[in-house]
Amino acid sequence: MSESQSSSPQSFHRATDVERGGLVRIVFDGRTIEAYAGESVAAALLAAGIRTLRASPRADAPRGAFCWMGICQECVIVADGVRRPACRLEVRDGMVITPGTVP
């Protein structure tokens, strides 16, 4: 795989030539993140360099967005007190998010 096709964290960035919604601020695990209206929580966190959204309950291993369609539940977070997959939830200004737990 060439360097330009790498999946390293440095390769993730927001495209600058895309029309997007207005700027909003969300809080993830105490950290304020700038995001754009209309993008998913998972995309906003990934663009901010946050890849780990929760830890697995048995092995305490990091988990994050995997399927990007809400099926795998790997990206579960708690947004404003409600457990949701981050890939299926649009950001809202002032949203408070904590790492998720899977029962």
PDB file of N, CA and C in Angstrom:
ATOM      1  N   MET A   1       0.857  -1.174   0.000  1.00  0.00           N
ATOM      2  CA  MET A   1       0.000   0.000   0.000  1.00  0.00           C
ATOM      3  C   MET A   1       0.897   1.229   0.000  1.00  0.00           C
ATOM      4  N   SER A   2       0.630   2.138  -0.884  1.00  0.00           N
ATOM      5  CA  SER A   2       1.455   3.340  -0.955  1.00  0.00           C
ATOM      6  C   SER A   2       1.167   4.245   0.230  1.00  0.00           C
ATOM      7  N   GLU A   3       2.075   5.169   0.480  1.00  0.00           N
ATOM      8  CA  GLU A   3       1.918   6.075   1.611  1.00  0.00           C
ATOM      9  C   GLU A   3       0.633   6.889   1.505  1.00  0.00           C
ATOM     10  N   SER A   4       0.235   7.282   0.302  1.00  0.00           N
ATOM     11  CA  SER A   4      -0.983   8.081   0.136  1.00  0.00           C
ATOM     12  C   SER A   4      -2.244   7.261   0.389  1.00  0.00           C
ATOM     13  N   GLN A   5      -2.154   5.931   0.327  1.00  0.00           N
ATOM     14  CA  GLN A   5      -3.303   5.073   0.576  1.00  0.00           C
ATOM     15  C   GLN A   5      -3.298   4.513   1.992  1.00  0.00           C
ATOM     16  N   SER A   6      -2.362   4.899   2.791  1.00  0.00           N
ATOM     17  CA  SER A   6      -2.212   4.384   4.143  1.00  0.00           C
ATOM     18  C   SER A   6      -3.449   4.660   4.985  1.00  0.00           C
ATOM     19  N   SER A   7      -3.699   3.789   5.944  1.00  0.00           N
ATOM     20  CA  SER A   7      -4.816   4.010   6.859  1.00  0.00           C
ATOM     21  C   SER A   7      -4.318   4.521   8.211  1.00  0.00           C
ATOM     22  N   SER A   8      -3.139   5.093   8.235  1.00  0.00           N
ATOM     23  CA  SER A   8      -2.612   5.646   9.479  1.00  0.00           C
ATOM     24  C   SER A   8      -3.451   6.840   9.905  1.00  0.00           C
ATOM     25  N   PRO A   9      -3.446   7.177  11.212  1.00  0.00           N
ATOM     26  CA  PRO A   9      -4.250   8.309  11.680  1.00  0.00           C
ATOM     27  C   PRO A   9      -3.942   9.606  10.954  1.00  0.00           C
ATOM     28  N   GLN A  10      -2.736   9.779  10.462  1.00  0.00           N
ATOM     29  CA  GLN A  10      -2.374  11.002   9.766  1.00  0.00           C
ATOM     30  C   GLN A  10      -3.105  11.127   8.433  1.00  0.00           C
ATOM     31  N   SER A  11      -3.622  10.025   7.893  1.00  0.00           N
ATOM     32  CA  SER A  11      -4.277  10.083   6.589  1.00  0.00           C
ATOM     33  C   SER A  11      -5.723  10.563   6.676  1.00  0.00           C
ATOM     34  N   PHE A  12      -6.300  10.634   7.875  1.00  0.00           N
ATOM     35  CA  PHE A  12      -7.672  11.106   8.027  1.00  0.00           C
ATOM     36  C   PHE A  12      -7.684  12.616   8.164  1.00  0.00           C
ATOM     37  N   HIS A  13      -8.466  13.255   7.332  1.00  0.00           N
ATOM     38  CA  HIS A  13      -8.601  14.710   7.404  1.00  0.00           C
ATOM     39  C   HIS A  13      -9.915  15.117   6.746  1.00  0.00           C
ATOM     40  N   ARG A  14     -10.368  16.303   7.071  1.00  0.00           N
ATOM     41  CA  ARG A  14     -11.588  16.813   6.447  1.00  0.00           C
ATOM     42  C   ARG A  14     -11.249  17.346   5.066  1.00  0.00           C
ATOM     43  N   ALA A  15     -12.054  16.999   4.097  1.00  0.00           N
ATOM     44  CA  ALA A  15     -11.881  17.544   2.751  1.00  0.00           C
ATOM     45  C   ALA A  15     -12.218  19.031   2.783  1.00  0.00           C
ATOM     46  N   THR A  16     -11.441  19.817   2.085  1.00  0.00           N
ATOM     47  CA  THR A  16     -11.665  21.265   2.087  1.00  0.00           C
ATOM     48  C   THR A  16     -12.550  21.723   0.939  1.00  0.00           C
ATOM     49  N   ASP A  17     -12.809  20.852  -0.022  1.00  0.00           N
ATOM     50  CA  ASP A  17     -13.596  21.246  -1.192  1.00  0.00           C
ATOM     51  C   ASP A  17     -15.037  20.725  -1.142  1.00  0.00           C
ATOM     52  N   VAL A  18     -15.543  20.461   0.051  1.00  0.00           N
ATOM     53  CA  VAL A  18     -16.886  19.928   0.228  1.00  0.00           C
ATOM     54  C   VAL A  18     -17.751  20.976   0.918  1.00  0.00           C
ATOM     55  N   GLU A  19     -18.950  21.193   0.370  1.00  0.00           N
ATOM     56  CA  GLU A  19     -19.884  22.109   1.026  1.00  0.00           C
ATOM     57  C   GLU A  19     -20.431  21.404   2.260  1.00  0.00           C
ATOM     58  N   ARG A  20     -20.377  22.077   3.387  1.00  0.00           N
ATOM     59  CA  ARG A  20     -20.821  21.438   4.624  1.00  0.00           C
ATOM     60  C   ARG A  20     -21.701  22.364   5.438  1.00  0.00           C
ATOM     61  N   GLY A  21     -22.320  21.806   6.460  1.00  0.00           N
ATOM     62  CA  GLY A  21     -23.185  22.575   7.346  1.00  0.00           C
ATOM     63  C   GLY A  21     -22.377  23.525   8.215  1.00  0.00           C
ATOM     64  N   GLY A  22     -23.083  24.254   9.034  1.00  0.00           N
ATOM     65  CA  GLY A  22     -22.442  25.214   9.924  1.00  0.00           C
ATOM     66  C   GLY A  22     -21.611  24.552  11.008  1.00  0.00           C
ATOM     67  N   LEU A  23     -20.691  25.302  11.546  1.00  0.00           N
ATOM     68  CA  LEU A  23     -19.806  24.816  12.598  1.00  0.00           C
ATOM     69  C   LEU A  23     -20.580  24.653  13.900  1.00  0.00           C
ATOM     70  N   VAL A  24     -20.391  23.517  14.560  1.00  0.00           N
ATOM     71  CA  VAL A  24     -20.984  23.257  15.871  1.00  0.00           C
ATOM     72  C   VAL A  24     -19.888  22.765  16.799  1.00  0.00           C
ATOM     73  N   ARG A  25     -20.169  22.791  18.079  1.00  0.00           N
ATOM     74  CA  ARG A  25     -19.218  22.272  19.065  1.00  0.00           C
ATOM     75  C   ARG A  25     -19.890  21.159  19.855  1.00  0.00           C
ATOM     76  N   ILE A  26     -19.156  20.067  20.017  1.00  0.00           N
ATOM     77  CA  ILE A  26     -19.611  18.954  20.837  1.00  0.00           C
ATOM     78  C   ILE A  26     -18.536  18.693  21.879  1.00  0.00           C
ATOM     79  N   VAL A  27     -18.895  17.978  22.920  1.00  0.00           N
ATOM     80  CA  VAL A  27     -17.935  17.625  23.965  1.00  0.00           C
ATOM     81  C   VAL A  27     -17.865  16.106  24.037  1.00  0.00           C
ATOM     82  N   PHE A  28     -16.667  15.555  23.871  1.00  0.00           N
ATOM     83  CA  PHE A  28     -16.462  14.111  23.995  1.00  0.00           C
ATOM     84  C   PHE A  28     -15.503  13.850  25.136  1.00  0.00           C
ATOM     85  N   ASP A  29     -15.988  13.162  26.150  1.00  0.00           N
ATOM     86  CA  ASP A  29     -15.151  12.767  27.289  1.00  0.00           C
ATOM     87  C   ASP A  29     -14.413  13.973  27.874  1.00  0.00           C
ATOM     88  N   GLY A  30     -15.106  15.112  27.946  1.00  0.00           N
ATOM     89  CA  GLY A  30     -14.544  16.330  28.519  1.00  0.00           C
ATOM     90  C   GLY A  30     -13.782  17.215  27.551  1.00  0.00           C
ATOM     91  N   ARG A  31     -13.598  16.770  26.328  1.00  0.00           N
ATOM     92  CA  ARG A  31     -12.829  17.530  25.329  1.00  0.00           C
ATOM     93  C   ARG A  31     -13.775  18.184  24.318  1.00  0.00           C
ATOM     94  N   THR A  32     -13.647  19.495  24.110  1.00  0.00           N
ATOM     95  CA  THR A  32     -14.480  20.202  23.138  1.00  0.00           C
ATOM     96  C   THR A  32     -13.948  19.963  21.731  1.00  0.00           C
ATOM     97  N   ILE A  33     -14.852  19.576  20.834  1.00  0.00           N
ATOM     98  CA  ILE A  33     -14.519  19.236  19.450  1.00  0.00           C
ATOM     99  C   ILE A  33     -15.341  20.127  18.526  1.00  0.00           C
ATOM    100  N   GLU A  34     -14.724  20.671  17.493  1.00  0.00           N
ATOM    101  CA  GLU A  34     -15.469  21.387  16.458  1.00  0.00           C
ATOM    102  C   GLU A  34     -15.883  20.387  15.391  1.00  0.00           C
ATOM    103  N   ALA A  35     -17.144  20.480  14.989  1.00  0.00           N
ATOM    104  CA  ALA A  35     -17.696  19.578  13.978  1.00  0.00           C
ATOM    105  C   ALA A  35     -18.588  20.394  13.055  1.00  0.00           C
ATOM    106  N   TYR A  36     -19.152  19.739  12.065  1.00  0.00           N
ATOM    107  CA  TYR A  36     -20.037  20.414  11.121  1.00  0.00           C
ATOM    108  C   TYR A  36     -21.416  19.775  11.162  1.00  0.00           C
ATOM    109  N   ALA A  37     -22.442  20.614  11.185  1.00  0.00           N
ATOM    110  CA  ALA A  37     -23.820  20.125  11.179  1.00  0.00           C
ATOM    111  C   ALA A  37     -24.004  19.183   9.999  1.00  0.00           C
ATOM    112  N   GLY A  38     -24.663  18.062  10.245  1.00  0.00           N
ATOM    113  CA  GLY A  38     -24.918  17.087   9.190  1.00  0.00           C
ATOM    114  C   GLY A  38     -23.961  15.915   9.186  1.00  0.00           C
ATOM    115  N   GLU A  39     -22.805  16.038   9.848  1.00  0.00           N
ATOM    116  CA  GLU A  39     -21.897  14.893   9.866  1.00  0.00           C
ATOM    117  C   GLU A  39     -22.190  14.029  11.089  1.00  0.00           C
ATOM    118  N   SER A  40     -21.813  12.771  11.006  1.00  0.00           N
ATOM    119  CA  SER A  40     -22.064  11.860  12.116  1.00  0.00           C
ATOM    120  C   SER A  40     -21.081  12.130  13.248  1.00  0.00           C
ATOM    121  N   VAL A  41     -21.474  11.711  14.438  1.00  0.00           N
ATOM    122  CA  VAL A  41     -20.583  11.830  15.591  1.00  0.00           C
ATOM    123  C   VAL A  41     -19.292  11.064  15.312  1.00  0.00           C
ATOM    124  N   ALA A  42     -19.398   9.868  14.731  1.00  0.00           N
ATOM    125  CA  ALA A  42     -18.201   9.069  14.435  1.00  0.00           C
ATOM    126  C   ALA A  42     -17.262   9.809  13.491  1.00  0.00           C
ATOM    127  N   ALA A  43     -17.800  10.414  12.434  1.00  0.00           N
ATOM    128  CA  ALA A  43     -16.968  11.153  11.478  1.00  0.00           C
ATOM    129  C   ALA A  43     -16.324  12.364  12.137  1.00  0.00           C
ATOM    130  N   ALA A  44     -17.073  13.076  12.960  1.00  0.00           N
ATOM    131  CA  ALA A  44     -16.539  14.260  13.639  1.00  0.00           C
ATOM    132  C   ALA A  44     -15.406  13.880  14.585  1.00  0.00           C
ATOM    133  N   LEU A  45     -15.588  12.801  15.331  1.00  0.00           N
ATOM    134  CA  LEU A  45     -14.545  12.382  16.269  1.00  0.00           C
ATOM    135  C   LEU A  45     -13.314  11.873  15.529  1.00  0.00           C
ATOM    136  N   LEU A  46     -13.517  11.125  14.466  1.00  0.00           N
ATOM    137  CA  LEU A  46     -12.387  10.640  13.674  1.00  0.00           C
ATOM    138  C   LEU A  46     -11.609  11.809  13.079  1.00  0.00           C
ATOM    139  N   ALA A  47     -12.315  12.809  12.556  1.00  0.00           N
ATOM    140  CA  ALA A  47     -11.650  13.989  11.989  1.00  0.00           C
ATOM    141  C   ALA A  47     -10.877  14.757  13.053  1.00  0.00           C
ATOM    142  N   ALA A  48     -11.303  14.643  14.308  1.00  0.00           N
ATOM    143  CA  ALA A  48     -10.610  15.310  15.415  1.00  0.00           C
ATOM    144  C   ALA A  48      -9.480  14.449  15.976  1.00  0.00           C
ATOM    145  N   GLY A  49      -9.243  13.289  15.359  1.00  0.00           N
ATOM    146  CA  GLY A  49      -8.147  12.427  15.796  1.00  0.00           C
ATOM    147  C   GLY A  49      -8.531  11.425  16.869  1.00  0.00           C
ATOM    148  N   ILE A  50      -9.816  11.302  17.156  1.00  0.00           N
ATOM    149  CA  ILE A  50     -10.281  10.370  18.185  1.00  0.00           C
ATOM    150  C   ILE A  50     -10.774   9.105  17.496  1.00  0.00           C
ATOM    151  N   ARG A  51     -10.067   8.019  17.702  1.00  0.00           N
ATOM    152  CA  ARG A  51     -10.423   6.754  17.059  1.00  0.00           C
ATOM    153  C   ARG A  51     -11.060   5.769  18.031  1.00  0.00           C
ATOM    154  N   THR A  52     -10.764   5.901  19.308  1.00  0.00           N
ATOM    155  CA  THR A  52     -11.317   4.998  20.313  1.00  0.00           C
ATOM    156  C   THR A  52     -12.559   5.622  20.921  1.00  0.00           C
ATOM    157  N   LEU A  53     -13.694   4.951  20.779  1.00  0.00           N
ATOM    158  CA  LEU A  53     -14.961   5.473  21.274  1.00  0.00           C
ATOM    159  C   LEU A  53     -15.445   4.754  22.525  1.00  0.00           C
ATOM    160  N   ARG A  54     -14.890   3.592  22.790  1.00  0.00           N
ATOM    161  CA  ARG A  54     -15.233   2.838  23.992  1.00  0.00           C
ATOM    162  C   ARG A  54     -14.186   1.748  24.163  1.00  0.00           C
ATOM    163  N   ALA A  55     -14.277   1.016  25.262  1.00  0.00           N
ATOM    164  CA  ALA A  55     -13.411  -0.138  25.497  1.00  0.00           C
ATOM    165  C   ALA A  55     -14.292  -1.376  25.584  1.00  0.00           C
ATOM    166  N   SER A  56     -13.782  -2.505  25.099  1.00  0.00           N
ATOM    167  CA  SER A  56     -14.564  -3.737  25.179  1.00  0.00           C
ATOM    168  C   SER A  56     -14.699  -4.138  26.644  1.00  0.00           C
ATOM    169  N   PRO A  57     -15.859  -4.663  27.042  1.00  0.00           N
ATOM    170  CA  PRO A  57     -16.086  -4.954  28.455  1.00  0.00           C
ATOM    171  C   PRO A  57     -15.225  -6.083  29.010  1.00  0.00           C
ATOM    172  N   ARG A  58     -14.863  -7.058  28.200  1.00  0.00           N
ATOM    173  CA  ARG A  58     -14.078  -8.184  28.708  1.00  0.00           C
ATOM    174  C   ARG A  58     -12.580  -7.939  28.666  1.00  0.00           C
ATOM    175  N   ALA A  59     -12.078  -7.476  27.553  1.00  0.00           N
ATOM    176  CA  ALA A  59     -10.630  -7.340  27.378  1.00  0.00           C
ATOM    177  C   ALA A  59     -10.135  -5.919  27.586  1.00  0.00           C
ATOM    178  N   ASP A  60     -11.044  -4.964  27.782  1.00  0.00           N
ATOM    179  CA  ASP A  60     -10.693  -3.552  27.918  1.00  0.00           C
ATOM    180  C   ASP A  60      -9.896  -3.061  26.699  1.00  0.00           C
ATOM    181  N   ALA A  61     -10.165  -3.676  25.542  1.00  0.00           N
ATOM    182  CA  ALA A  61      -9.485  -3.298  24.302  1.00  0.00           C
ATOM    183  C   ALA A  61     -10.225  -2.132  23.647  1.00  0.00           C
ATOM    184  N   PRO A  62      -9.505  -1.253  22.948  1.00  0.00           N
ATOM    185  CA  PRO A  62     -10.157  -0.103  22.308  1.00  0.00           C
ATOM    186  C   PRO A  62     -11.097  -0.526  21.186  1.00  0.00           C
ATOM    187  N   ARG A  63     -12.212   0.198  21.086  1.00  0.00           N
ATOM    188  CA  ARG A  63     -13.195  -0.039  20.037  1.00  0.00           C
ATOM    189  C   ARG A  63     -13.553   1.285  19.389  1.00  0.00           C
ATOM    190  N   GLY A  64     -13.912   1.254  18.108  1.00  0.00           N
ATOM    191  CA  GLY A  64     -14.297   2.463  17.384  1.00  0.00           C
ATOM    192  C   GLY A  64     -15.179   2.103  16.208  1.00  0.00           C
ATOM    193  N   ALA A  65     -15.383   3.045  15.312  1.00  0.00           N
ATOM    194  CA  ALA A  65     -16.244   2.824  14.148  1.00  0.00           C
ATOM    195  C   ALA A  65     -15.681   1.690  13.295  1.00  0.00           C
ATOM    196  N   PHE A  66     -16.537   0.761  12.910  1.00  0.00           N
ATOM    197  CA  PHE A  66     -16.104  -0.383  12.117  1.00  0.00           C
ATOM    198  C   PHE A  66     -16.958  -0.530  10.860  1.00  0.00           C
ATOM    199  N   CYS A  67     -18.262  -0.733  11.024  1.00  0.00           N
ATOM    200  CA  CYS A  67     -19.111  -0.983   9.847  1.00  0.00           C
ATOM    201  C   CYS A  67     -19.685   0.302   9.246  1.00  0.00           C
ATOM    202  N   TRP A  68     -19.753   1.361  10.005  1.00  0.00           N
ATOM    203  CA  TRP A  68     -20.276   2.663   9.575  1.00  0.00           C
ATOM    204  C   TRP A  68     -21.748   2.618   9.153  1.00  0.00           C
ATOM    205  N   MET A  69     -22.503   1.621   9.631  1.00  0.00           N
ATOM    206  CA  MET A  69     -23.940   1.596   9.335  1.00  0.00           C
ATOM    207  C   MET A  69     -24.779   1.172  10.533  1.00  0.00           C
ATOM    208  N   GLY A  70     -24.182   1.129  11.721  1.00  0.00           N
ATOM    209  CA  GLY A  70     -24.934   0.892  12.944  1.00  0.00           C
ATOM    210  C   GLY A  70     -25.206  -0.546  13.306  1.00  0.00           C
ATOM    211  N   ILE A  71     -24.673  -1.487  12.553  1.00  0.00           N
ATOM    212  CA  ILE A  71     -24.957  -2.897  12.798  1.00  0.00           C
ATOM    213  C   ILE A  71     -24.035  -3.504  13.854  1.00  0.00           C
ATOM    214  N   CYS A  72     -22.759  -3.207  13.796  1.00  0.00           N
ATOM    215  CA  CYS A  72     -21.777  -3.906  14.640  1.00  0.00           C
ATOM    216  C   CYS A  72     -21.762  -3.431  16.096  1.00  0.00           C
ATOM    217  N   GLN A  73     -22.234  -2.237  16.369  1.00  0.00           N
ATOM    218  CA  GLN A  73     -22.274  -1.658  17.718  1.00  0.00           C
ATOM    219  C   GLN A  73     -20.884  -1.378  18.312  1.00  0.00           C
ATOM    220  N   GLU A  74     -19.848  -1.416  17.495  1.00  0.00           N
ATOM    221  CA  GLU A  74     -18.499  -1.127  17.985  1.00  0.00           C
ATOM    222  C   GLU A  74     -18.319   0.342  18.343  1.00  0.00           C
ATOM    223  N   CYS A  75     -19.103   1.229  17.744  1.00  0.00           N
ATOM    224  CA  CYS A  75     -18.929   2.668  17.967  1.00  0.00           C
ATOM    225  C   CYS A  75     -19.950   3.248  18.947  1.00  0.00           C
ATOM    226  N   VAL A  76     -20.540   2.402  19.786  1.00  0.00           N
ATOM    227  CA  VAL A  76     -21.561   2.873  20.727  1.00  0.00           C
ATOM    228  C   VAL A  76     -20.975   3.921  21.667  1.00  0.00           C
ATOM    229  N   ILE A  77     -21.694   5.025  21.789  1.00  0.00           N
ATOM    230  CA  ILE A  77     -21.347   6.114  22.705  1.00  0.00           C
ATOM    231  C   ILE A  77     -22.609   6.464  23.501  1.00  0.00           C
ATOM    232  N   VAL A  78     -22.453   7.336  24.481  1.00  0.00           N
ATOM    233  CA  VAL A  78     -23.608   7.859  25.210  1.00  0.00           C
ATOM    234  C   VAL A  78     -23.673   9.346  24.897  1.00  0.00           C
ATOM    235  N   ALA A  79     -24.736   9.754  24.206  1.00  0.00           N
ATOM    236  CA  ALA A  79     -24.908  11.154  23.804  1.00  0.00           C
ATOM    237  C   ALA A  79     -26.093  11.736  24.559  1.00  0.00           C
ATOM    238  N   ASP A  80     -25.816  12.750  25.359  1.00  0.00           N
ATOM    239  CA  ASP A  80     -26.864  13.391  26.158  1.00  0.00           C
ATOM    240  C   ASP A  80     -27.672  12.359  26.939  1.00  0.00           C
ATOM    241  N   GLY A  81     -26.967  11.350  27.478  1.00  0.00           N
ATOM    242  CA  GLY A  81     -27.591  10.349  28.336  1.00  0.00           C
ATOM    243  C   GLY A  81     -28.211   9.155  27.636  1.00  0.00           C
ATOM    244  N   VAL A  82     -28.140   9.108  26.303  1.00  0.00           N
ATOM    245  CA  VAL A  82     -28.756   8.012  25.542  1.00  0.00           C
ATOM    246  C   VAL A  82     -27.681   7.238  24.783  1.00  0.00           C
ATOM    247  N   ARG A  83     -27.696   5.899  24.929  1.00  0.00           N
ATOM    248  CA  ARG A  83     -26.749   5.026  24.232  1.00  0.00           C
ATOM    249  C   ARG A  83     -27.114   4.937  22.754  1.00  0.00           C
ATOM    250  N   ARG A  84     -26.157   5.246  21.872  1.00  0.00           N
ATOM    251  CA  ARG A  84     -26.414   5.250  20.422  1.00  0.00           C
ATOM    252  C   ARG A  84     -25.145   4.876  19.666  1.00  0.00           C
ATOM    253  N   PRO A  85     -25.260   4.303  18.461  1.00  0.00           N
ATOM    254  CA  PRO A  85     -24.077   4.121  17.620  1.00  0.00           C
ATOM    255  C   PRO A  85     -23.644   5.480  17.051  1.00  0.00           C
ATOM    256  N   ALA A  86     -22.400   5.820  17.223  1.00  0.00           N
ATOM    257  CA  ALA A  86     -21.885   7.126  16.791  1.00  0.00           C
ATOM    258  C   ALA A  86     -21.969   7.315  15.283  1.00  0.00           C
ATOM    259  N   CYS A  87     -21.929   6.221  14.531  1.00  0.00           N
ATOM    260  CA  CYS A  87     -21.971   6.329  13.069  1.00  0.00           C
ATOM    261  C   CYS A  87     -23.360   6.683  12.547  1.00  0.00           C
ATOM    262  N   ARG A  88     -24.398   6.534  13.357  1.00  0.00           N
ATOM    263  CA  ARG A  88     -25.775   6.786  12.927  1.00  0.00           C
ATOM    264  C   ARG A  88     -26.377   8.028  13.570  1.00  0.00           C
ATOM    265  N   LEU A  89     -25.583   8.788  14.298  1.00  0.00           N
ATOM    266  CA  LEU A  89     -26.086   9.941  15.039  1.00  0.00           C
ATOM    267  C   LEU A  89     -25.441  11.218  14.516  1.00  0.00           C
ATOM    268  N   GLU A  90     -26.262  12.182  14.096  1.00  0.00           N
ATOM    269  CA  GLU A  90     -25.732  13.465  13.627  1.00  0.00           C
ATOM    270  C   GLU A  90     -25.357  14.342  14.810  1.00  0.00           C
ATOM    271  N   VAL A  91     -24.278  15.093  14.649  1.00  0.00           N
ATOM    272  CA  VAL A  91     -23.855  16.019  15.698  1.00  0.00           C
ATOM    273  C   VAL A  91     -24.884  17.137  15.854  1.00  0.00           C
ATOM    274  N   ARG A  92     -25.014  17.625  17.075  1.00  0.00           N
ATOM    275  CA  ARG A  92     -25.840  18.792  17.385  1.00  0.00           C
ATOM    276  C   ARG A  92     -25.011  19.706  18.267  1.00  0.00           C
ATOM    277  N   ASP A  93     -25.140  20.981  18.078  1.00  0.00           N
ATOM    278  CA  ASP A  93     -24.380  21.939  18.874  1.00  0.00           C
ATOM    279  C   ASP A  93     -24.663  21.724  20.359  1.00  0.00           C
ATOM    280  N   GLY A  94     -23.595  21.635  21.149  1.00  0.00           N
ATOM    281  CA  GLY A  94     -23.722  21.471  22.589  1.00  0.00           C
ATOM    282  C   GLY A  94     -23.874  20.037  23.057  1.00  0.00           C
ATOM    283  N   MET A  95     -23.890  19.090  22.146  1.00  0.00           N
ATOM    284  CA  MET A  95     -24.039  17.680  22.494  1.00  0.00           C
ATOM    285  C   MET A  95     -22.908  17.253  23.426  1.00  0.00           C
ATOM    286  N   VAL A  96     -23.249  16.515  24.482  1.00  0.00           N
ATOM    287  CA  VAL A  96     -22.255  15.992  25.420  1.00  0.00           C
ATOM    288  C   VAL A  96     -22.209  14.479  25.241  1.00  0.00           C
ATOM    289  N   ILE A  97     -21.013  13.981  24.945  1.00  0.00           N
ATOM    290  CA  ILE A  97     -20.830  12.573  24.595  1.00  0.00           C
ATOM    291  C   ILE A  97     -19.794  11.955  25.522  1.00  0.00           C
ATOM    292  N   THR A  98     -20.077  10.731  25.968  1.00  0.00           N
ATOM    293  CA  THR A  98     -19.103   9.974  26.750  1.00  0.00           C
ATOM    294  C   THR A  98     -18.887   8.632  26.064  1.00  0.00           C
ATOM    295  N   PRO A  99     -17.752   7.984  26.335  1.00  0.00           N
ATOM    296  CA  PRO A  99     -17.528   6.665  25.753  1.00  0.00           C
ATOM    297  C   PRO A  99     -18.676   5.729  26.127  1.00  0.00           C
ATOM    298  N   GLY A 100     -19.026   4.851  25.211  1.00  0.00           N
ATOM    299  CA  GLY A 100     -20.156   3.961  25.432  1.00  0.00           C
ATOM    300  C   GLY A 100     -19.795   2.709  26.189  1.00  0.00           C
ATOM    301  N   THR A 101     -20.825   2.023  26.612  1.00  0.00           N
ATOM    302  CA  THR A 101     -20.680   0.715  27.244  1.00  0.00           C
ATOM    303  C   THR A 101     -21.645  -0.230  26.550  1.00  0.00           C
ATOM    304  N   VAL A 102     -21.240  -1.466  26.435  1.00  0.00           N
ATOM    305  CA  VAL A 102     -22.099  -2.484  25.847  1.00  0.00           C
ATOM    306  C   VAL A 102     -22.411  -3.483  26.946  1.00  0.00           C
ATOM    307  N   PRO A 103     -23.705  -3.714  27.218  1.00  0.00           N
ATOM    308  CA  PRO A 103     -24.071  -4.633  28.310  1.00  0.00           C
ATOM    309  C   PRO A 103     -23.614  -6.047  28.059  1.00  0.00           C
TER     310      PRO A 103
END
